[in-house]
Amino acid sequence: MELHLFNNADELSAGAAKWIAGCISAALEKQDRYTLVLSGGSTPKKLHMLLAASPYKEQIDWRRLHIFWGDERAVPLDDVRNNARMAFDTLLDQVPIPRNQVHIINTVLDPESAADEYERVLRRYFDETGSTFDLVLLGMGDDGHTLSLFPGKPVVHEERKWVAAYFLREQNMFRITLTAPVVNRAHKVAFLVSGTGKANALKQVIEGDFRPDTYPSQLIDPADGEVHWFLDRDAAAMLQ
């Protein structure tokens, strides 16, 4: 695990953008494509807009990227709550990624069918026993959740499925999410966490006892990969 500490959210986004662009360029010197998992939430918006602008718009070989999502709300693509919609608005419509290399979670389907379809997409891309994504971008909620792995939910204990759907009563909606097993086969995982509201959960996730039912972000620990935490000083305020 490596911590990257920044003074504020803007510096965090700038540092993450530089790091991501470097990871992509280095990997594409040795391989034909790069698989990137995007996340929802407010923090990635700043990151997306940086990646869609100079110098990264020109530096990154977008035509060799394949885009996936970590989770999705079961709402239509034109709904402002849809994670893919946010990514198109802030990044994907601004850069030359071939549309057939952008793999959204199909929320036109019912949630269970959408999860099953997305799992089939992933299993066509990745070997059953090998590694999966080159880079997974994640956020963390002030309750310690990541993806749609919320505290106390059965999906936290999923060991077989790569994608799961369930009804999140607290939000009165279905969520569709990657599970820990598929993320933990990624080459790199990067958490982007900012704000004082995240400080207590972050301390527990990084320095506390292993309690994934309470702090599901603790589940993300790639066996053969790297975990990077991009933090601003407010989020990191309680860390030793």
C-alpha atoms as a PDB file:
ATOM      1  CA  MET A   1       0.000   0.000   0.000  1.00  0.00           C
ATOM      2  CA  GLU A   2       1.269   3.447  -0.904  1.00  0.00           C
ATOM      3  CA  LEU A   3      -0.115   6.762   0.347  1.00  0.00           C
ATOM      4  CA  HIS A   4      -0.032   9.912  -1.829  1.00  0.00           C
ATOM      5  CA  LEU A   5      -0.779  12.985   0.294  1.00  0.00           C
ATOM      6  CA  PHE A   6      -1.902  16.373  -1.074  1.00  0.00           C
ATOM      7  CA  ASN A   7      -2.852  19.686   0.489  1.00  0.00           C
ATOM      8  CA  ASN A   8      -6.366  19.835  -0.951  1.00  0.00           C
ATOM      9  CA  ALA A   9      -8.786  18.178  -3.340  1.00  0.00           C
ATOM     10  CA  ASP A  10      -7.573  20.136  -6.376  1.00  0.00           C
ATOM     11  CA  GLU A  11      -3.967  19.088  -5.812  1.00  0.00           C
ATOM     12  CA  LEU A  12      -5.135  15.523  -5.230  1.00  0.00           C
ATOM     13  CA  SER A  13      -6.899  15.465  -8.600  1.00  0.00           C
ATOM     14  CA  ALA A  14      -3.870  16.944 -10.356  1.00  0.00           C
ATOM     15  CA  GLY A  15      -1.533  14.431  -8.748  1.00  0.00           C
ATOM     16  CA  ALA A  16      -3.818  11.520  -9.583  1.00  0.00           C
ATOM     17  CA  ALA A  17      -4.155  12.649 -13.209  1.00  0.00           C
ATOM     18  CA  LYS A  18      -0.378  12.808 -13.625  1.00  0.00           C
ATOM     19  CA  TRP A  19       0.067   9.401 -12.006  1.00  0.00           C
ATOM     20  CA  ILE A  20      -2.688   7.770 -14.089  1.00  0.00           C
ATOM     21  CA  ALA A  21      -1.311   9.151 -17.337  1.00  0.00           C
ATOM     22  CA  GLY A  22       2.117   7.828 -16.417  1.00  0.00           C
ATOM     23  CA  CYS A  23       0.741   4.379 -15.594  1.00  0.00           C
ATOM     24  CA  ILE A  24      -1.104   4.188 -18.911  1.00  0.00           C
ATOM     25  CA  SER A  25       1.867   5.334 -20.992  1.00  0.00           C
ATOM     26  CA  ALA A  26       4.267   2.940 -19.272  1.00  0.00           C
ATOM     27  CA  ALA A  27       1.936  -0.025 -19.668  1.00  0.00           C
ATOM     28  CA  LEU A  28       1.194   0.666 -23.350  1.00  0.00           C
ATOM     29  CA  GLU A  29       4.894   0.442 -24.106  1.00  0.00           C
ATOM     30  CA  LYS A  30       4.613  -3.265 -23.263  1.00  0.00           C
ATOM     31  CA  GLN A  31       1.021  -4.209 -24.155  1.00  0.00           C
ATOM     32  CA  ASP A  32      -1.613  -3.510 -26.801  1.00  0.00           C
ATOM     33  CA  ARG A  33      -4.468  -2.229 -24.647  1.00  0.00           C
ATOM     34  CA  TYR A  34      -5.154  -0.758 -21.235  1.00  0.00           C
ATOM     35  CA  THR A  35      -8.236  -1.570 -19.166  1.00  0.00           C
ATOM     36  CA  LEU A  36      -9.428   1.208 -16.867  1.00  0.00           C
ATOM     37  CA  VAL A  37     -12.306   1.058 -14.383  1.00  0.00           C
ATOM     38  CA  LEU A  38     -14.000   4.378 -13.608  1.00  0.00           C
ATOM     39  CA  SER A  39     -15.962   5.265 -10.499  1.00  0.00           C
ATOM     40  CA  GLY A  40     -18.840   7.580  -9.711  1.00  0.00           C
ATOM     41  CA  GLY A  41     -19.091  10.325  -7.124  1.00  0.00           C
ATOM     42  CA  SER A  42     -17.933  13.933  -6.976  1.00  0.00           C
ATOM     43  CA  THR A  43     -14.156  13.512  -6.656  1.00  0.00           C
ATOM     44  CA  PRO A  44     -13.694  11.856 -10.087  1.00  0.00           C
ATOM     45  CA  LYS A  45     -15.338  14.796 -11.874  1.00  0.00           C
ATOM     46  CA  LYS A  46     -12.279  16.988 -11.315  1.00  0.00           C
ATOM     47  CA  LEU A  47      -9.989  14.157 -12.320  1.00  0.00           C
ATOM     48  CA  HIS A  48     -11.965  13.485 -15.506  1.00  0.00           C
ATOM     49  CA  MET A  49     -11.826  17.110 -16.585  1.00  0.00           C
ATOM     50  CA  LEU A  50      -8.059  17.178 -16.100  1.00  0.00           C
ATOM     51  CA  LEU A  51      -7.584  13.997 -18.116  1.00  0.00           C
ATOM     52  CA  ALA A  52      -9.775  15.406 -20.902  1.00  0.00           C
ATOM     53  CA  ALA A  53      -7.636  18.552 -21.192  1.00  0.00           C
ATOM     54  CA  SER A  54      -4.045  19.267 -22.222  1.00  0.00           C
ATOM     55  CA  PRO A  55      -1.514  17.831 -21.671  1.00  0.00           C
ATOM     56  CA  TYR A  56      -3.173  14.483 -20.875  1.00  0.00           C
ATOM     57  CA  LYS A  57      -5.680  14.572 -23.725  1.00  0.00           C
ATOM     58  CA  GLU A  58      -2.711  14.441 -26.126  1.00  0.00           C
ATOM     59  CA  GLN A  59      -0.372  12.369 -23.954  1.00  0.00           C
ATOM     60  CA  ILE A  60      -2.670   9.383 -23.395  1.00  0.00           C
ATOM     61  CA  ASP A  61      -3.260   7.000 -26.305  1.00  0.00           C
ATOM     62  CA  TRP A  62      -7.019   6.929 -25.796  1.00  0.00           C
ATOM     63  CA  ARG A  63      -7.664   4.661 -28.794  1.00  0.00           C
ATOM     64  CA  ARG A  64      -6.034   1.787 -26.924  1.00  0.00           C
ATOM     65  CA  LEU A  65      -8.060   2.199 -23.735  1.00  0.00           C
ATOM     66  CA  HIS A  66     -10.955  -0.039 -22.756  1.00  0.00           C
ATOM     67  CA  ILE A  67     -13.284   1.522 -20.193  1.00  0.00           C
ATOM     68  CA  PHE A  68     -15.350  -0.214 -17.517  1.00  0.00           C
ATOM     69  CA  TRP A  69     -17.262   0.868 -14.408  1.00  0.00           C
ATOM     70  CA  GLY A  70     -16.962  -0.239 -10.814  1.00  0.00           C
ATOM     71  CA  ASP A  71     -20.619   0.180 -10.018  1.00  0.00           C
ATOM     72  CA  GLU A  72     -23.799   1.779 -11.243  1.00  0.00           C
ATOM     73  CA  ARG A  73     -27.141   2.978  -9.991  1.00  0.00           C
ATOM     74  CA  ALA A  74     -30.069   1.237 -11.684  1.00  0.00           C
ATOM     75  CA  VAL A  75     -31.241   4.419 -13.408  1.00  0.00           C
ATOM     76  CA  PRO A  76     -31.296   5.274 -17.138  1.00  0.00           C
ATOM     77  CA  LEU A  77     -28.184   6.553 -18.883  1.00  0.00           C
ATOM     78  CA  ASP A  78     -29.742  10.005 -19.250  1.00  0.00           C
ATOM     79  CA  ASP A  79     -30.358  10.263 -15.491  1.00  0.00           C
ATOM     80  CA  VAL A  80     -27.920  12.635 -13.758  1.00  0.00           C
ATOM     81  CA  ARG A  81     -27.344   9.992 -11.062  1.00  0.00           C
ATOM     82  CA  ASN A  82     -25.963   7.539 -13.625  1.00  0.00           C
ATOM     83  CA  ASN A  83     -22.197   7.064 -13.206  1.00  0.00           C
ATOM     84  CA  ALA A  84     -21.621   6.408 -16.891  1.00  0.00           C
ATOM     85  CA  ARG A  85     -23.512   9.587 -17.812  1.00  0.00           C
ATOM     86  CA  MET A  86     -21.191  11.614 -15.600  1.00  0.00           C
ATOM     87  CA  ALA A  87     -18.136  10.009 -17.201  1.00  0.00           C
ATOM     88  CA  PHE A  88     -19.377  10.731 -20.736  1.00  0.00           C
ATOM     89  CA  ASP A  89     -20.101  14.349 -19.848  1.00  0.00           C
ATOM     90  CA  THR A  90     -16.785  15.016 -18.115  1.00  0.00           C
ATOM     91  CA  LEU A  91     -14.341  12.760 -19.998  1.00  0.00           C
ATOM     92  CA  LEU A  92     -15.388  10.211 -22.583  1.00  0.00           C
ATOM     93  CA  ASP A  93     -17.132  12.610 -24.969  1.00  0.00           C
ATOM     94  CA  GLN A  94     -13.988  14.769 -24.972  1.00  0.00           C
ATOM     95  CA  VAL A  95     -11.396  12.138 -25.960  1.00  0.00           C
ATOM     96  CA  PRO A  96     -11.069   9.744 -28.944  1.00  0.00           C
ATOM     97  CA  ILE A  97     -11.962   6.411 -27.333  1.00  0.00           C
ATOM     98  CA  PRO A  98     -13.717   4.061 -29.803  1.00  0.00           C
ATOM     99  CA  ARG A  99     -17.288   3.636 -28.611  1.00  0.00           C
ATOM    100  CA  ASN A 100     -17.082  -0.171 -28.789  1.00  0.00           C
ATOM    101  CA  GLN A 101     -14.288  -0.031 -26.179  1.00  0.00           C
ATOM    102  CA  VAL A 102     -16.526   1.713 -23.646  1.00  0.00           C
ATOM    103  CA  HIS A 103     -18.441  -0.892 -21.649  1.00  0.00           C
ATOM    104  CA  ILE A 104     -21.312   0.608 -19.679  1.00  0.00           C
ATOM    105  CA  ILE A 105     -23.537  -1.356 -17.338  1.00  0.00           C
ATOM    106  CA  ASN A 106     -26.790  -1.683 -19.261  1.00  0.00           C
ATOM    107  CA  THR A 107     -29.432  -0.232 -16.968  1.00  0.00           C
ATOM    108  CA  VAL A 108     -32.133  -0.672 -19.607  1.00  0.00           C
ATOM    109  CA  LEU A 109     -32.201  -4.266 -18.358  1.00  0.00           C
ATOM    110  CA  ASP A 110     -33.531  -5.243 -14.972  1.00  0.00           C
ATOM    111  CA  PRO A 111     -30.746  -5.101 -12.352  1.00  0.00           C
ATOM    112  CA  GLU A 112     -30.098  -8.848 -12.119  1.00  0.00           C
ATOM    113  CA  SER A 113     -29.944  -9.186 -15.906  1.00  0.00           C
ATOM    114  CA  ALA A 114     -27.668  -6.154 -16.150  1.00  0.00           C
ATOM    115  CA  ALA A 115     -25.300  -7.712 -13.610  1.00  0.00           C
ATOM    116  CA  ASP A 116     -25.309 -11.043 -15.440  1.00  0.00           C
ATOM    117  CA  GLU A 117     -24.625  -9.340 -18.772  1.00  0.00           C
ATOM    118  CA  TYR A 118     -21.748  -7.311 -17.346  1.00  0.00           C
ATOM    119  CA  GLU A 119     -20.220 -10.414 -15.807  1.00  0.00           C
ATOM    120  CA  ARG A 120     -20.299 -12.112 -19.209  1.00  0.00           C
ATOM    121  CA  VAL A 121     -18.535  -9.086 -20.734  1.00  0.00           C
ATOM    122  CA  LEU A 122     -15.794  -9.274 -18.100  1.00  0.00           C
ATOM    123  CA  ARG A 123     -15.306 -13.015 -18.413  1.00  0.00           C
ATOM    124  CA  ARG A 124     -14.888 -12.641 -22.183  1.00  0.00           C
ATOM    125  CA  TYR A 125     -12.135 -10.099 -21.545  1.00  0.00           C
ATOM    126  CA  PHE A 126     -10.305 -11.788 -18.716  1.00  0.00           C
ATOM    127  CA  ASP A 127      -9.082 -15.288 -18.016  1.00  0.00           C
ATOM    128  CA  GLU A 128     -10.780 -17.226 -15.228  1.00  0.00           C
ATOM    129  CA  THR A 129      -7.567 -17.509 -13.212  1.00  0.00           C
ATOM    130  CA  GLY A 130      -5.404 -14.622 -14.446  1.00  0.00           C
ATOM    131  CA  SER A 131      -5.322 -10.943 -13.643  1.00  0.00           C
ATOM    132  CA  THR A 132      -8.100  -8.557 -14.603  1.00  0.00           C
ATOM    133  CA  PHE A 133      -8.001  -4.763 -14.929  1.00  0.00           C
ATOM    134  CA  ASP A 134      -4.873  -2.680 -15.381  1.00  0.00           C
ATOM    135  CA  LEU A 135      -6.237   0.041 -13.093  1.00  0.00           C
ATOM    136  CA  VAL A 136      -9.347   0.344 -10.948  1.00  0.00           C
ATOM    137  CA  LEU A 137     -10.255   3.833  -9.699  1.00  0.00           C
ATOM    138  CA  LEU A 138     -12.266   3.823  -6.488  1.00  0.00           C
ATOM    139  CA  GLY A 139     -13.762   6.231  -4.031  1.00  0.00           C
ATOM    140  CA  MET A 140     -14.637   5.680  -0.388  1.00  0.00           C
ATOM    141  CA  GLY A 141     -17.752   6.867   1.403  1.00  0.00           C
ATOM    142  CA  ASP A 142     -17.787   8.359   4.868  1.00  0.00           C
ATOM    143  CA  ASP A 143     -19.172   5.010   6.053  1.00  0.00           C
ATOM    144  CA  GLY A 144     -16.174   3.146   4.632  1.00  0.00           C
ATOM    145  CA  HIS A 145     -17.973   1.698   1.621  1.00  0.00           C
ATOM    146  CA  THR A 146     -16.447   1.449  -1.833  1.00  0.00           C
ATOM    147  CA  LEU A 147     -18.054   0.453  -5.130  1.00  0.00           C
ATOM    148  CA  SER A 148     -21.582  -0.515  -4.018  1.00  0.00           C
ATOM    149  CA  LEU A 149     -20.169  -2.649  -1.215  1.00  0.00           C
ATOM    150  CA  PHE A 150     -22.016  -1.061   1.691  1.00  0.00           C
ATOM    151  CA  PRO A 151     -21.567  -1.973   5.366  1.00  0.00           C
ATOM    152  CA  GLY A 152     -23.500  -4.984   6.526  1.00  0.00           C
ATOM    153  CA  LYS A 153     -24.778  -6.045   3.101  1.00  0.00           C
ATOM    154  CA  PRO A 154     -24.454  -9.675   1.936  1.00  0.00           C
ATOM    155  CA  VAL A 155     -22.616  -8.552  -1.223  1.00  0.00           C
ATOM    156  CA  VAL A 156     -19.610  -7.812   1.006  1.00  0.00           C
ATOM    157  CA  HIS A 157     -19.166 -11.586   1.383  1.00  0.00           C
ATOM    158  CA  GLU A 158     -19.576 -12.474  -2.304  1.00  0.00           C
ATOM    159  CA  GLU A 159     -16.825 -14.889  -3.357  1.00  0.00           C
ATOM    160  CA  ARG A 160     -18.035 -16.311  -6.670  1.00  0.00           C
ATOM    161  CA  LYS A 161     -19.756 -13.622  -8.720  1.00  0.00           C
ATOM    162  CA  TRP A 162     -17.738 -10.849 -10.377  1.00  0.00           C
ATOM    163  CA  VAL A 163     -20.810  -8.579 -10.636  1.00  0.00           C
ATOM    164  CA  ALA A 164     -23.788  -8.442  -8.293  1.00  0.00           C
ATOM    165  CA  ALA A 165     -27.075  -6.536  -8.097  1.00  0.00           C
ATOM    166  CA  TYR A 166     -29.147  -5.853  -5.011  1.00  0.00           C
ATOM    167  CA  PHE A 167     -31.704  -3.433  -3.611  1.00  0.00           C
ATOM    168  CA  LEU A 168     -30.163  -0.835  -1.304  1.00  0.00           C
ATOM    169  CA  ARG A 169     -33.027   0.053   1.003  1.00  0.00           C
ATOM    170  CA  GLU A 170     -31.288   3.115   2.417  1.00  0.00           C
ATOM    171  CA  GLN A 171     -31.258   4.698  -1.053  1.00  0.00           C
ATOM    172  CA  ASN A 172     -34.486   3.098  -2.281  1.00  0.00           C
ATOM    173  CA  MET A 173     -32.797   1.858  -5.441  1.00  0.00           C
ATOM    174  CA  PHE A 174     -30.999  -1.087  -6.961  1.00  0.00           C
ATOM    175  CA  ARG A 175     -27.222  -0.975  -7.240  1.00  0.00           C
ATOM    176  CA  ILE A 176     -25.055  -3.026  -9.618  1.00  0.00           C
ATOM    177  CA  THR A 177     -21.471  -3.509  -8.554  1.00  0.00           C
ATOM    178  CA  LEU A 178     -18.186  -5.241  -9.154  1.00  0.00           C
ATOM    179  CA  THR A 179     -17.318  -7.498  -6.244  1.00  0.00           C
ATOM    180  CA  ALA A 180     -14.103  -7.786  -4.280  1.00  0.00           C
ATOM    181  CA  PRO A 181     -12.900 -10.993  -6.014  1.00  0.00           C
ATOM    182  CA  VAL A 182     -12.666  -9.416  -9.488  1.00  0.00           C
ATOM    183  CA  VAL A 183     -11.144  -6.154  -8.223  1.00  0.00           C
ATOM    184  CA  ASN A 184      -8.576  -8.050  -6.182  1.00  0.00           C
ATOM    185  CA  ARG A 185      -7.161  -9.512  -9.373  1.00  0.00           C
ATOM    186  CA  ALA A 186      -6.357  -6.067 -10.798  1.00  0.00           C
ATOM    187  CA  HIS A 187      -2.803  -4.874 -11.416  1.00  0.00           C
ATOM    188  CA  LYS A 188      -3.385  -1.541  -9.683  1.00  0.00           C
ATOM    189  CA  VAL A 189      -6.122  -0.021  -7.537  1.00  0.00           C
ATOM    190  CA  ALA A 190      -6.256   3.681  -6.687  1.00  0.00           C
ATOM    191  CA  PHE A 191      -8.552   5.155  -4.038  1.00  0.00           C
ATOM    192  CA  LEU A 192      -9.267   8.903  -4.293  1.00  0.00           C
ATOM    193  CA  VAL A 193     -10.463  10.239  -0.939  1.00  0.00           C
ATOM    194  CA  SER A 194     -10.926  13.853   0.131  1.00  0.00           C
ATOM    195  CA  GLY A 195     -12.705  15.811   2.844  1.00  0.00           C
ATOM    196  CA  THR A 196     -12.993  15.814   6.621  1.00  0.00           C
ATOM    197  CA  GLY A 197     -16.094  13.628   6.474  1.00  0.00           C
ATOM    198  CA  LYS A 198     -13.975  10.684   5.377  1.00  0.00           C
ATOM    199  CA  ALA A 199     -11.270  11.019   8.049  1.00  0.00           C
ATOM    200  CA  ASN A 200     -12.629   8.637  10.685  1.00  0.00           C
ATOM    201  CA  ALA A 201     -13.572   5.886   8.232  1.00  0.00           C
ATOM    202  CA  LEU A 202     -10.221   6.244   6.471  1.00  0.00           C
ATOM    203  CA  LYS A 203      -8.355   5.777   9.749  1.00  0.00           C
ATOM    204  CA  GLN A 204     -10.330   2.622  10.485  1.00  0.00           C
ATOM    205  CA  VAL A 205      -9.870   1.224   6.975  1.00  0.00           C
ATOM    206  CA  ILE A 206      -6.108   1.771   6.879  1.00  0.00           C
ATOM    207  CA  GLU A 207      -5.056   1.486  10.530  1.00  0.00           C
ATOM    208  CA  GLY A 208      -7.915  -0.320  12.277  1.00  0.00           C
ATOM    209  CA  ASP A 209      -8.689  -3.975  12.815  1.00  0.00           C
ATOM    210  CA  PHE A 210      -9.966  -5.928   9.809  1.00  0.00           C
ATOM    211  CA  ARG A 211     -13.743  -5.473   9.974  1.00  0.00           C
ATOM    212  CA  PRO A 212     -15.002  -5.570   6.374  1.00  0.00           C
ATOM    213  CA  ASP A 213     -18.656  -5.824   7.397  1.00  0.00           C
ATOM    214  CA  THR A 214     -18.243  -2.393   8.983  1.00  0.00           C
ATOM    215  CA  TYR A 215     -15.618  -0.956   6.592  1.00  0.00           C
ATOM    216  CA  PRO A 216     -15.971  -2.757   3.230  1.00  0.00           C
ATOM    217  CA  SER A 217     -13.080  -0.809   1.661  1.00  0.00           C
ATOM    218  CA  GLN A 218     -10.799  -3.112   3.668  1.00  0.00           C
ATOM    219  CA  LEU A 219     -11.779  -5.919   1.285  1.00  0.00           C
ATOM    220  CA  ILE A 220      -9.821  -4.356  -1.565  1.00  0.00           C
ATOM    221  CA  ASP A 221      -6.365  -5.899  -1.340  1.00  0.00           C
ATOM    222  CA  PRO A 222      -5.069  -7.292  -4.658  1.00  0.00           C
ATOM    223  CA  ALA A 223      -3.062 -10.460  -4.143  1.00  0.00           C
ATOM    224  CA  ASP A 224      -0.550  -9.621  -6.880  1.00  0.00           C
ATOM    225  CA  GLY A 225      -1.280  -5.937  -7.407  1.00  0.00           C
ATOM    226  CA  GLU A 226      -0.772  -2.523  -5.885  1.00  0.00           C
ATOM    227  CA  VAL A 227      -3.066  -0.326  -3.805  1.00  0.00           C
ATOM    228  CA  HIS A 228      -2.546   3.434  -3.895  1.00  0.00           C
ATOM    229  CA  TRP A 229      -4.394   5.934  -1.700  1.00  0.00           C
ATOM    230  CA  PHE A 230      -4.619   9.509  -3.006  1.00  0.00           C
ATOM    231  CA  LEU A 231      -5.602  11.623  -0.009  1.00  0.00           C
ATOM    232  CA  ASP A 232      -5.972  15.269   0.828  1.00  0.00           C
ATOM    233  CA  ARG A 233      -4.928  16.511   4.263  1.00  0.00           C
ATOM    234  CA  ASP A 234      -8.499  16.736   5.517  1.00  0.00           C
ATOM    235  CA  ALA A 235      -9.182  13.068   4.786  1.00  0.00           C
ATOM    236  CA  ALA A 236      -5.807  11.994   6.190  1.00  0.00           C
ATOM    237  CA  ALA A 237      -6.047  14.147   9.340  1.00  0.00           C
ATOM    238  CA  MET A 238      -6.577  11.218  11.734  1.00  0.00           C
ATOM    239  CA  LEU A 239      -3.918   8.893  10.340  1.00  0.00           C
ATOM    240  CA  GLN A 240      -0.829   8.212  12.428  1.00  0.00           C
END
